[in-house]
């Protein structure tokens, strides 16, 4: 059995919208959150919190992540805006 396939992460229902986009891209690249955190020079915990929707990344962070994972920054940023707008009952605090 291939060790990579046995450890492949499946998308979790608890992932945020942004997290689902990030994890889909990482899965496609056969990479994980730890790898991403090293690439963008952020802690594993911070990336995990973004994926789970507990932290709202800044636009600069979105650009860094999107560049590394090959996702258009506007798609990722729009997901951030939409998700946090919903969390704040339609109040945009950006």
PDB file of N, CA and C in Angstrom:
ATOM      1  N   UNK A   1       0.844  -1.182   0.000  1.00  0.00           N
ATOM      2  CA  UNK A   1       0.000   0.000   0.000  1.00  0.00           C
ATOM      3  C   UNK A   1       0.887   1.242   0.000  1.00  0.00           C
ATOM      4  N   UNK A   2       0.569   2.186  -0.827  1.00  0.00           N
ATOM      5  CA  UNK A   2       1.304   3.430  -0.908  1.00  0.00           C
ATOM      6  C   UNK A   2       1.042   4.256   0.349  1.00  0.00           C
ATOM      7  N   UNK A   3       2.119   4.659   1.039  1.00  0.00           N
ATOM      8  CA  UNK A   3       1.943   5.390   2.294  1.00  0.00           C
ATOM      9  C   UNK A   3       1.282   6.746   2.074  1.00  0.00           C
ATOM     10  N   UNK A   4       1.532   7.375   0.920  1.00  0.00           N
ATOM     11  CA  UNK A   4       0.878   8.661   0.648  1.00  0.00           C
ATOM     12  C   UNK A   4      -0.632   8.501   0.532  1.00  0.00           C
ATOM     13  N   UNK A   5      -1.066   7.469  -0.170  1.00  0.00           N
ATOM     14  CA  UNK A   5      -2.503   7.293  -0.350  1.00  0.00           C
ATOM     15  C   UNK A   5      -3.186   6.923   0.959  1.00  0.00           C
ATOM     16  N   UNK A   6      -2.466   6.215   1.827  1.00  0.00           N
ATOM     17  CA  UNK A   6      -3.085   5.835   3.086  1.00  0.00           C
ATOM     18  C   UNK A   6      -3.211   7.027   4.035  1.00  0.00           C
ATOM     19  N   UNK A   7      -2.398   8.054   3.810  1.00  0.00           N
ATOM     20  CA  UNK A   7      -2.449   9.234   4.663  1.00  0.00           C
ATOM     21  C   UNK A   7      -3.171  10.396   4.013  1.00  0.00           C
ATOM     22  N   UNK A   8      -3.696  10.191   2.814  1.00  0.00           N
ATOM     23  CA  UNK A   8      -4.343  11.292   2.106  1.00  0.00           C
ATOM     24  C   UNK A   8      -5.519  11.824   2.915  1.00  0.00           C
ATOM     25  N   UNK A   9      -5.553  13.113   3.064  1.00  0.00           N
ATOM     26  CA  UNK A   9      -6.576  13.769   3.867  1.00  0.00           C
ATOM     27  C   UNK A   9      -7.848  13.925   3.051  1.00  0.00           C
ATOM     28  N   UNK A  10      -8.941  13.624   3.652  1.00  0.00           N
ATOM     29  CA  UNK A  10     -10.236  13.824   3.009  1.00  0.00           C
ATOM     30  C   UNK A  10     -10.814  15.138   3.497  1.00  0.00           C
ATOM     31  N   UNK A  11     -11.587  15.774   2.649  1.00  0.00           N
ATOM     32  CA  UNK A  11     -12.215  17.032   3.060  1.00  0.00           C
ATOM     33  C   UNK A  11     -13.148  16.762   4.225  1.00  0.00           C
ATOM     34  N   UNK A  12     -13.102  17.620   5.175  1.00  0.00           N
ATOM     35  CA  UNK A  12     -13.882  17.465   6.386  1.00  0.00           C
ATOM     36  C   UNK A  12     -15.093  18.386   6.341  1.00  0.00           C
ATOM     37  N   UNK A  13     -16.213  17.874   6.809  1.00  0.00           N
ATOM     38  CA  UNK A  13     -17.430  18.688   6.834  1.00  0.00           C
ATOM     39  C   UNK A  13     -17.259  19.935   7.684  1.00  0.00           C
ATOM     40  N   UNK A  14     -16.324  19.901   8.621  1.00  0.00           N
ATOM     41  CA  UNK A  14     -16.109  21.036   9.509  1.00  0.00           C
ATOM     42  C   UNK A  14     -15.204  22.105   8.921  1.00  0.00           C
ATOM     43  N   UNK A  15     -14.665  21.866   7.735  1.00  0.00           N
ATOM     44  CA  UNK A  15     -13.835  22.877   7.095  1.00  0.00           C
ATOM     45  C   UNK A  15     -14.694  24.052   6.674  1.00  0.00           C
ATOM     46  N   UNK A  16     -14.115  25.244   6.753  1.00  0.00           N
ATOM     47  CA  UNK A  16     -14.802  26.437   6.278  1.00  0.00           C
ATOM     48  C   UNK A  16     -14.816  26.435   4.749  1.00  0.00           C
ATOM     49  N   UNK A  17     -15.518  27.399   4.161  1.00  0.00           N
ATOM     50  CA  UNK A  17     -15.518  27.518   2.689  1.00  0.00           C
ATOM     51  C   UNK A  17     -14.101  27.734   2.191  1.00  0.00           C
ATOM     52  N   UNK A  18     -13.394  28.630   2.860  1.00  0.00           N
ATOM     53  CA  UNK A  18     -12.001  28.890   2.503  1.00  0.00           C
ATOM     54  C   UNK A  18     -11.171  27.630   2.717  1.00  0.00           C
ATOM     55  N   UNK A  19     -11.406  26.959   3.840  1.00  0.00           N
ATOM     56  CA  UNK A  19     -10.685  25.736   4.148  1.00  0.00           C
ATOM     57  C   UNK A  19     -10.900  24.650   3.111  1.00  0.00           C
ATOM     58  N   UNK A  20     -12.114  24.538   2.625  1.00  0.00           N
ATOM     59  CA  UNK A  20     -12.405  23.526   1.599  1.00  0.00           C
ATOM     60  C   UNK A  20     -11.632  23.802   0.314  1.00  0.00           C
ATOM     61  N   UNK A  21     -11.526  25.069  -0.054  1.00  0.00           N
ATOM     62  CA  UNK A  21     -10.769  25.452  -1.254  1.00  0.00           C
ATOM     63  C   UNK A  21      -9.287  25.140  -1.049  1.00  0.00           C
ATOM     64  N   UNK A  22      -8.771  25.528   0.103  1.00  0.00           N
ATOM     65  CA  UNK A  22      -7.358  25.293   0.406  1.00  0.00           C
ATOM     66  C   UNK A  22      -7.053  23.799   0.419  1.00  0.00           C
ATOM     67  N   UNK A  23      -7.889  23.029   1.109  1.00  0.00           N
ATOM     68  CA  UNK A  23      -7.622  21.596   1.240  1.00  0.00           C
ATOM     69  C   UNK A  23      -7.768  20.859  -0.090  1.00  0.00           C
ATOM     70  N   UNK A  24      -8.709  21.283  -0.919  1.00  0.00           N
ATOM     71  CA  UNK A  24      -8.844  20.660  -2.241  1.00  0.00           C
ATOM     72  C   UNK A  24      -7.578  20.876  -3.063  1.00  0.00           C
ATOM     73  N   UNK A  25      -7.043  22.091  -3.003  1.00  0.00           N
ATOM     74  CA  UNK A  25      -5.813  22.393  -3.741  1.00  0.00           C
ATOM     75  C   UNK A  25      -4.635  21.605  -3.177  1.00  0.00           C
ATOM     76  N   UNK A  26      -4.534  21.540  -1.857  1.00  0.00           N
ATOM     77  CA  UNK A  26      -3.447  20.778  -1.233  1.00  0.00           C
ATOM     78  C   UNK A  26      -3.552  19.298  -1.556  1.00  0.00           C
ATOM     79  N   UNK A  27      -4.764  18.754  -1.535  1.00  0.00           N
ATOM     80  CA  UNK A  27      -4.952  17.337  -1.887  1.00  0.00           C
ATOM     81  C   UNK A  27      -4.496  17.081  -3.314  1.00  0.00           C
ATOM     82  N   UNK A  28      -4.851  17.981  -4.202  1.00  0.00           N
ATOM     83  CA  UNK A  28      -4.469  17.833  -5.611  1.00  0.00           C
ATOM     84  C   UNK A  28      -2.943  17.842  -5.762  1.00  0.00           C
ATOM     85  N   UNK A  29      -2.290  18.647  -4.925  1.00  0.00           N
ATOM     86  CA  UNK A  29      -0.830  18.753  -4.952  1.00  0.00           C
ATOM     87  C   UNK A  29      -0.158  17.656  -4.129  1.00  0.00           C
ATOM     88  N   UNK A  30      -0.963  16.847  -3.429  1.00  0.00           N
ATOM     89  CA  UNK A  30      -0.470  15.830  -2.502  1.00  0.00           C
ATOM     90  C   UNK A  30       0.412  16.457  -1.423  1.00  0.00           C
ATOM     91  N   UNK A  31      -0.076  17.573  -0.892  1.00  0.00           N
ATOM     92  CA  UNK A  31       0.605  18.303   0.185  1.00  0.00           C
ATOM     93  C   UNK A  31      -0.364  18.442   1.354  1.00  0.00           C
ATOM     94  N   UNK A  32       0.146  18.930   2.486  1.00  0.00           N
ATOM     95  CA  UNK A  32      -0.705  19.069   3.661  1.00  0.00           C
ATOM     96  C   UNK A  32      -0.570  20.467   4.272  1.00  0.00           C
ATOM     97  N   UNK A  33      -1.306  20.679   5.360  1.00  0.00           N
ATOM     98  CA  UNK A  33      -1.306  21.985   6.003  1.00  0.00           C
ATOM     99  C   UNK A  33       0.072  22.349   6.555  1.00  0.00           C
ATOM    100  N   UNK A  34       0.801  21.383   7.058  1.00  0.00           N
ATOM    101  CA  UNK A  34       2.144  21.656   7.587  1.00  0.00           C
ATOM    102  C   UNK A  34       3.057  22.177   6.479  1.00  0.00           C
ATOM    103  N   UNK A  35       2.977  21.553   5.328  1.00  0.00           N
ATOM    104  CA  UNK A  35       3.770  22.012   4.185  1.00  0.00           C
ATOM    105  C   UNK A  35       3.397  23.445   3.827  1.00  0.00           C
ATOM    106  N   UNK A  36       2.087  23.722   3.765  1.00  0.00           N
ATOM    107  CA  UNK A  36       1.630  25.074   3.432  1.00  0.00           C
ATOM    108  C   UNK A  36       2.127  26.082   4.458  1.00  0.00           C
ATOM    109  N   UNK A  37       2.050  25.738   5.723  1.00  0.00           N
ATOM    110  CA  UNK A  37       2.491  26.677   6.769  1.00  0.00           C
ATOM    111  C   UNK A  37       3.971  27.023   6.602  1.00  0.00           C
ATOM    112  N   UNK A  38       4.778  26.044   6.232  1.00  0.00           N
ATOM    113  CA  UNK A  38       6.204  26.323   5.997  1.00  0.00           C
ATOM    114  C   UNK A  38       6.398  27.232   4.792  1.00  0.00           C
ATOM    115  N   UNK A  39       5.615  27.005   3.737  1.00  0.00           N
ATOM    116  CA  UNK A  39       5.760  27.801   2.517  1.00  0.00           C
ATOM    117  C   UNK A  39       5.406  29.269   2.743  1.00  0.00           C
ATOM    118  N   UNK A  40       4.358  29.508   3.526  1.00  0.00           N
ATOM    119  CA  UNK A  40       3.906  30.890   3.751  1.00  0.00           C
ATOM    120  C   UNK A  40       4.493  31.471   5.044  1.00  0.00           C
ATOM    121  N   UNK A  41       5.346  30.681   5.710  1.00  0.00           N
ATOM    122  CA  UNK A  41       6.034  31.128   6.936  1.00  0.00           C
ATOM    123  C   UNK A  41       5.048  31.569   8.017  1.00  0.00           C
ATOM    124  N   UNK A  42       4.076  30.699   8.256  1.00  0.00           N
ATOM    125  CA  UNK A  42       3.079  30.890   9.312  1.00  0.00           C
ATOM    126  C   UNK A  42       3.025  29.605  10.126  1.00  0.00           C
ATOM    127  N   UNK A  43       2.446  29.683  11.307  1.00  0.00           N
ATOM    128  CA  UNK A  43       2.390  28.489  12.146  1.00  0.00           C
ATOM    129  C   UNK A  43       1.362  27.490  11.613  1.00  0.00           C
ATOM    130  N   UNK A  44       1.582  26.222  11.952  1.00  0.00           N
ATOM    131  CA  UNK A  44       0.616  25.176  11.605  1.00  0.00           C
ATOM    132  C   UNK A  44      -0.745  25.517  12.198  1.00  0.00           C
ATOM    133  N   UNK A  45      -0.734  26.022  13.417  1.00  0.00           N
ATOM    134  CA  UNK A  45      -1.969  26.356  14.115  1.00  0.00           C
ATOM    135  C   UNK A  45      -2.760  27.433  13.366  1.00  0.00           C
ATOM    136  N   UNK A  46      -2.066  28.434  12.866  1.00  0.00           N
ATOM    137  CA  UNK A  46      -2.742  29.524  12.151  1.00  0.00           C
ATOM    138  C   UNK A  46      -3.411  29.002  10.876  1.00  0.00           C
ATOM    139  N   UNK A  47      -2.713  28.170  10.132  1.00  0.00           N
ATOM    140  CA  UNK A  47      -3.297  27.592   8.909  1.00  0.00           C
ATOM    141  C   UNK A  47      -4.501  26.728   9.271  1.00  0.00           C
ATOM    142  N   UNK A  48      -4.374  25.904  10.315  1.00  0.00           N
ATOM    143  CA  UNK A  48      -5.483  25.069  10.773  1.00  0.00           C
ATOM    144  C   UNK A  48      -6.691  25.937  11.127  1.00  0.00           C
ATOM    145  N   UNK A  49      -6.463  27.030  11.838  1.00  0.00           N
ATOM    146  CA  UNK A  49      -7.556  27.916  12.240  1.00  0.00           C
ATOM    147  C   UNK A  49      -8.233  28.564  11.039  1.00  0.00           C
ATOM    148  N   UNK A  50      -7.478  28.890  10.007  1.00  0.00           N
ATOM    149  CA  UNK A  50      -8.067  29.423   8.770  1.00  0.00           C
ATOM    150  C   UNK A  50      -8.932  28.344   8.121  1.00  0.00           C
ATOM    151  N   UNK A  51      -8.388  27.137   8.005  1.00  0.00           N
ATOM    152  CA  UNK A  51      -9.113  26.028   7.374  1.00  0.00           C
ATOM    153  C   UNK A  51     -10.421  25.746   8.104  1.00  0.00           C
ATOM    154  N   UNK A  52     -10.398  25.792   9.414  1.00  0.00           N
ATOM    155  CA  UNK A  52     -11.595  25.505  10.208  1.00  0.00           C
ATOM    156  C   UNK A  52     -12.541  26.700  10.323  1.00  0.00           C
ATOM    157  N   UNK A  53     -12.107  27.875   9.878  1.00  0.00           N
ATOM    158  CA  UNK A  53     -12.975  29.048   9.930  1.00  0.00           C
ATOM    159  C   UNK A  53     -12.938  29.790  11.247  1.00  0.00           C
ATOM    160  N   UNK A  54     -11.905  29.516  12.058  1.00  0.00           N
ATOM    161  CA  UNK A  54     -11.788  30.189  13.351  1.00  0.00           C
ATOM    162  C   UNK A  54     -11.023  31.503  13.251  1.00  0.00           C
ATOM    163  N   UNK A  55     -10.262  31.667  12.176  1.00  0.00           N
ATOM    164  CA  UNK A  55      -9.501  32.890  11.946  1.00  0.00           C
ATOM    165  C   UNK A  55      -9.802  33.412  10.558  1.00  0.00           C
ATOM    166  N   UNK A  56      -9.870  34.719  10.444  1.00  0.00           N
ATOM    167  CA  UNK A  56     -10.074  35.352   9.138  1.00  0.00           C
ATOM    168  C   UNK A  56      -8.721  35.827   8.631  1.00  0.00           C
ATOM    169  N   UNK A  57      -8.267  35.263   7.513  1.00  0.00           N
ATOM    170  CA  UNK A  57      -6.965  35.681   6.993  1.00  0.00           C
ATOM    171  C   UNK A  57      -7.036  37.081   6.389  1.00  0.00           C
ATOM    172  N   UNK A  58      -5.935  37.789   6.471  1.00  0.00           N
ATOM    173  CA  UNK A  58      -5.851  39.102   5.824  1.00  0.00           C
ATOM    174  C   UNK A  58      -5.729  38.913   4.314  1.00  0.00           C
ATOM    175  N   UNK A  59      -5.899  40.002   3.587  1.00  0.00           N
ATOM    176  CA  UNK A  59      -5.764  39.933   2.128  1.00  0.00           C
ATOM    177  C   UNK A  59      -4.347  39.521   1.749  1.00  0.00           C
ATOM    178  N   UNK A  60      -3.361  40.012   2.473  1.00  0.00           N
ATOM    179  CA  UNK A  60      -1.963  39.649   2.201  1.00  0.00           C
ATOM    180  C   UNK A  60      -1.757  38.147   2.412  1.00  0.00           C
ATOM    181  N   UNK A  61      -2.354  37.604   3.455  1.00  0.00           N
ATOM    182  CA  UNK A  61      -2.259  36.165   3.712  1.00  0.00           C
ATOM    183  C   UNK A  61      -2.940  35.374   2.610  1.00  0.00           C
ATOM    184  N   UNK A  62      -4.097  35.845   2.165  1.00  0.00           N
ATOM    185  CA  UNK A  62      -4.813  35.179   1.067  1.00  0.00           C
ATOM    186  C   UNK A  62      -3.946  35.160  -0.191  1.00  0.00           C
ATOM    187  N   UNK A  63      -3.288  36.270  -0.492  1.00  0.00           N
ATOM    188  CA  UNK A  63      -2.408  36.324  -1.669  1.00  0.00           C
ATOM    189  C   UNK A  63      -1.275  35.311  -1.527  1.00  0.00           C
ATOM    190  N   UNK A  64      -0.664  35.258  -0.346  1.00  0.00           N
ATOM    191  CA  UNK A  64       0.441  34.316  -0.121  1.00  0.00           C
ATOM    192  C   UNK A  64      -0.026  32.873  -0.296  1.00  0.00           C
ATOM    193  N   UNK A  65      -1.144  32.534   0.324  1.00  0.00           N
ATOM    194  CA  UNK A  65      -1.664  31.167   0.236  1.00  0.00           C
ATOM    195  C   UNK A  65      -2.064  30.835  -1.198  1.00  0.00           C
ATOM    196  N   UNK A  66      -2.776  31.731  -1.845  1.00  0.00           N
ATOM    197  CA  UNK A  66      -3.257  31.456  -3.206  1.00  0.00           C
ATOM    198  C   UNK A  66      -2.100  31.271  -4.183  1.00  0.00           C
ATOM    199  N   UNK A  67      -1.027  32.040  -3.993  1.00  0.00           N
ATOM    200  CA  UNK A  67       0.147  31.901  -4.856  1.00  0.00           C
ATOM    201  C   UNK A  67       0.771  30.523  -4.697  1.00  0.00           C
ATOM    202  N   UNK A  68       0.863  30.053  -3.467  1.00  0.00           N
ATOM    203  CA  UNK A  68       1.481  28.753  -3.198  1.00  0.00           C
ATOM    204  C   UNK A  68       0.626  27.595  -3.707  1.00  0.00           C
ATOM    205  N   UNK A  69      -0.688  27.676  -3.508  1.00  0.00           N
ATOM    206  CA  UNK A  69      -1.548  26.533  -3.862  1.00  0.00           C
ATOM    207  C   UNK A  69      -2.121  26.626  -5.274  1.00  0.00           C
ATOM    208  N   UNK A  70      -1.856  27.723  -5.975  1.00  0.00           N
ATOM    209  CA  UNK A  70      -2.289  27.840  -7.362  1.00  0.00           C
ATOM    210  C   UNK A  70      -3.772  28.096  -7.549  1.00  0.00           C
ATOM    211  N   UNK A  71      -4.368  28.813  -6.593  1.00  0.00           N
ATOM    212  CA  UNK A  71      -5.781  29.183  -6.687  1.00  0.00           C
ATOM    213  C   UNK A  71      -5.850  30.698  -6.883  1.00  0.00           C
ATOM    214  N   UNK A  72      -6.724  31.136  -7.759  1.00  0.00           N
ATOM    215  CA  UNK A  72      -6.871  32.574  -7.997  1.00  0.00           C
ATOM    216  C   UNK A  72      -7.171  33.294  -6.684  1.00  0.00           C
ATOM    217  N   UNK A  73      -6.434  34.357  -6.414  1.00  0.00           N
ATOM    218  CA  UNK A  73      -6.592  35.079  -5.146  1.00  0.00           C
ATOM    219  C   UNK A  73      -7.986  35.644  -4.975  1.00  0.00           C
ATOM    220  N   UNK A  74      -8.623  36.030  -6.078  1.00  0.00           N
ATOM    221  CA  UNK A  74      -9.975  36.585  -5.988  1.00  0.00           C
ATOM    222  C   UNK A  74     -10.993  35.534  -5.557  1.00  0.00           C
ATOM    223  N   UNK A  75     -10.815  34.306  -6.008  1.00  0.00           N
ATOM    224  CA  UNK A  75     -11.708  33.217  -5.600  1.00  0.00           C
ATOM    225  C   UNK A  75     -11.569  32.978  -4.096  1.00  0.00           C
ATOM    226  N   UNK A  76     -10.326  32.919  -3.634  1.00  0.00           N
ATOM    227  CA  UNK A  76     -10.094  32.688  -2.212  1.00  0.00           C
ATOM    228  C   UNK A  76     -10.576  33.874  -1.373  1.00  0.00           C
ATOM    229  N   UNK A  77     -10.296  35.090  -1.823  1.00  0.00           N
ATOM    230  CA  UNK A  77     -10.718  36.273  -1.067  1.00  0.00           C
ATOM    231  C   UNK A  77     -12.240  36.398  -1.030  1.00  0.00           C
ATOM    232  N   UNK A  78     -12.899  36.109  -2.142  1.00  0.00           N
ATOM    233  CA  UNK A  78     -14.369  36.156  -2.163  1.00  0.00           C
ATOM    234  C   UNK A  78     -14.956  35.133  -1.189  1.00  0.00           C
ATOM    235  N   UNK A  79     -14.327  33.972  -1.082  1.00  0.00           N
ATOM    236  CA  UNK A  79     -14.793  32.962  -0.125  1.00  0.00           C
ATOM    237  C   UNK A  79     -14.620  33.464   1.304  1.00  0.00           C
ATOM    238  N   UNK A  80     -13.516  34.147   1.568  1.00  0.00           N
ATOM    239  CA  UNK A  80     -13.290  34.730   2.903  1.00  0.00           C
ATOM    240  C   UNK A  80     -14.383  35.747   3.196  1.00  0.00           C
ATOM    241  N   UNK A  81     -14.618  36.655   2.263  1.00  0.00           N
ATOM    242  CA  UNK A  81     -15.610  37.714   2.463  1.00  0.00           C
ATOM    243  C   UNK A  81     -17.003  37.123   2.695  1.00  0.00           C
ATOM    244  N   UNK A  82     -17.366  36.160   1.860  1.00  0.00           N
ATOM    245  CA  UNK A  82     -18.689  35.529   1.970  1.00  0.00           C
ATOM    246  C   UNK A  82     -18.853  34.821   3.311  1.00  0.00           C
ATOM    247  N   UNK A  83     -17.855  34.057   3.673  1.00  0.00           N
ATOM    248  CA  UNK A  83     -17.920  33.298   4.917  1.00  0.00           C
ATOM    249  C   UNK A  83     -18.028  34.217   6.131  1.00  0.00           C
ATOM    250  N   UNK A  84     -17.223  35.245   6.184  1.00  0.00           N
ATOM    251  CA  UNK A  84     -17.229  36.123   7.351  1.00  0.00           C
ATOM    252  C   UNK A  84     -18.428  37.049   7.354  1.00  0.00           C
ATOM    253  N   UNK A  85     -18.967  37.337   6.197  1.00  0.00           N
ATOM    254  CA  UNK A  85     -20.209  38.109   6.137  1.00  0.00           C
ATOM    255  C   UNK A  85     -21.348  37.291   6.737  1.00  0.00           C
ATOM    256  N   UNK A  86     -21.389  35.995   6.409  1.00  0.00           N
ATOM    257  CA  UNK A  86     -22.406  35.100   6.973  1.00  0.00           C
ATOM    258  C   UNK A  86     -22.246  34.965   8.481  1.00  0.00           C
ATOM    259  N   UNK A  87     -21.009  34.859   8.944  1.00  0.00           N
ATOM    260  CA  UNK A  87     -20.766  34.716  10.383  1.00  0.00           C
ATOM    261  C   UNK A  87     -21.203  35.952  11.150  1.00  0.00           C
ATOM    262  N   UNK A  88     -21.126  37.095  10.499  1.00  0.00           N
ATOM    263  CA  UNK A  88     -21.500  38.349  11.159  1.00  0.00           C
ATOM    264  C   UNK A  88     -22.906  38.791  10.773  1.00  0.00           C
ATOM    265  N   UNK A  89     -23.729  37.821  10.321  1.00  0.00           N
ATOM    266  CA  UNK A  89     -25.122  38.093   9.938  1.00  0.00           C
ATOM    267  C   UNK A  89     -25.240  39.208   8.910  1.00  0.00           C
ATOM    268  N   UNK A  90     -24.356  39.143   7.929  1.00  0.00           N
ATOM    269  CA  UNK A  90     -24.431  40.105   6.835  1.00  0.00           C
ATOM    270  C   UNK A  90     -23.709  41.409   7.095  1.00  0.00           C
ATOM    271  N   UNK A  91     -23.106  41.571   8.254  1.00  0.00           N
ATOM    272  CA  UNK A  91     -22.358  42.783   8.561  1.00  0.00           C
ATOM    273  C   UNK A  91     -20.923  42.584   8.136  1.00  0.00           C
ATOM    274  N   UNK A  92     -20.465  43.397   7.203  1.00  0.00           N
ATOM    275  CA  UNK A  92     -19.088  43.284   6.705  1.00  0.00           C
ATOM    276  C   UNK A  92     -18.186  44.153   7.560  1.00  0.00           C
ATOM    277  N   UNK A  93     -17.260  43.506   8.274  1.00  0.00           N
ATOM    278  CA  UNK A  93     -16.344  44.226   9.153  1.00  0.00           C
ATOM    279  C   UNK A  93     -14.935  44.312   8.582  1.00  0.00           C
ATOM    280  N   UNK A  94     -14.811  44.242   7.264  1.00  0.00           N
ATOM    281  CA  UNK A  94     -13.458  44.259   6.687  1.00  0.00           C
ATOM    282  C   UNK A  94     -12.903  45.650   6.604  1.00  0.00           C
TER     283      UNK A  94
END
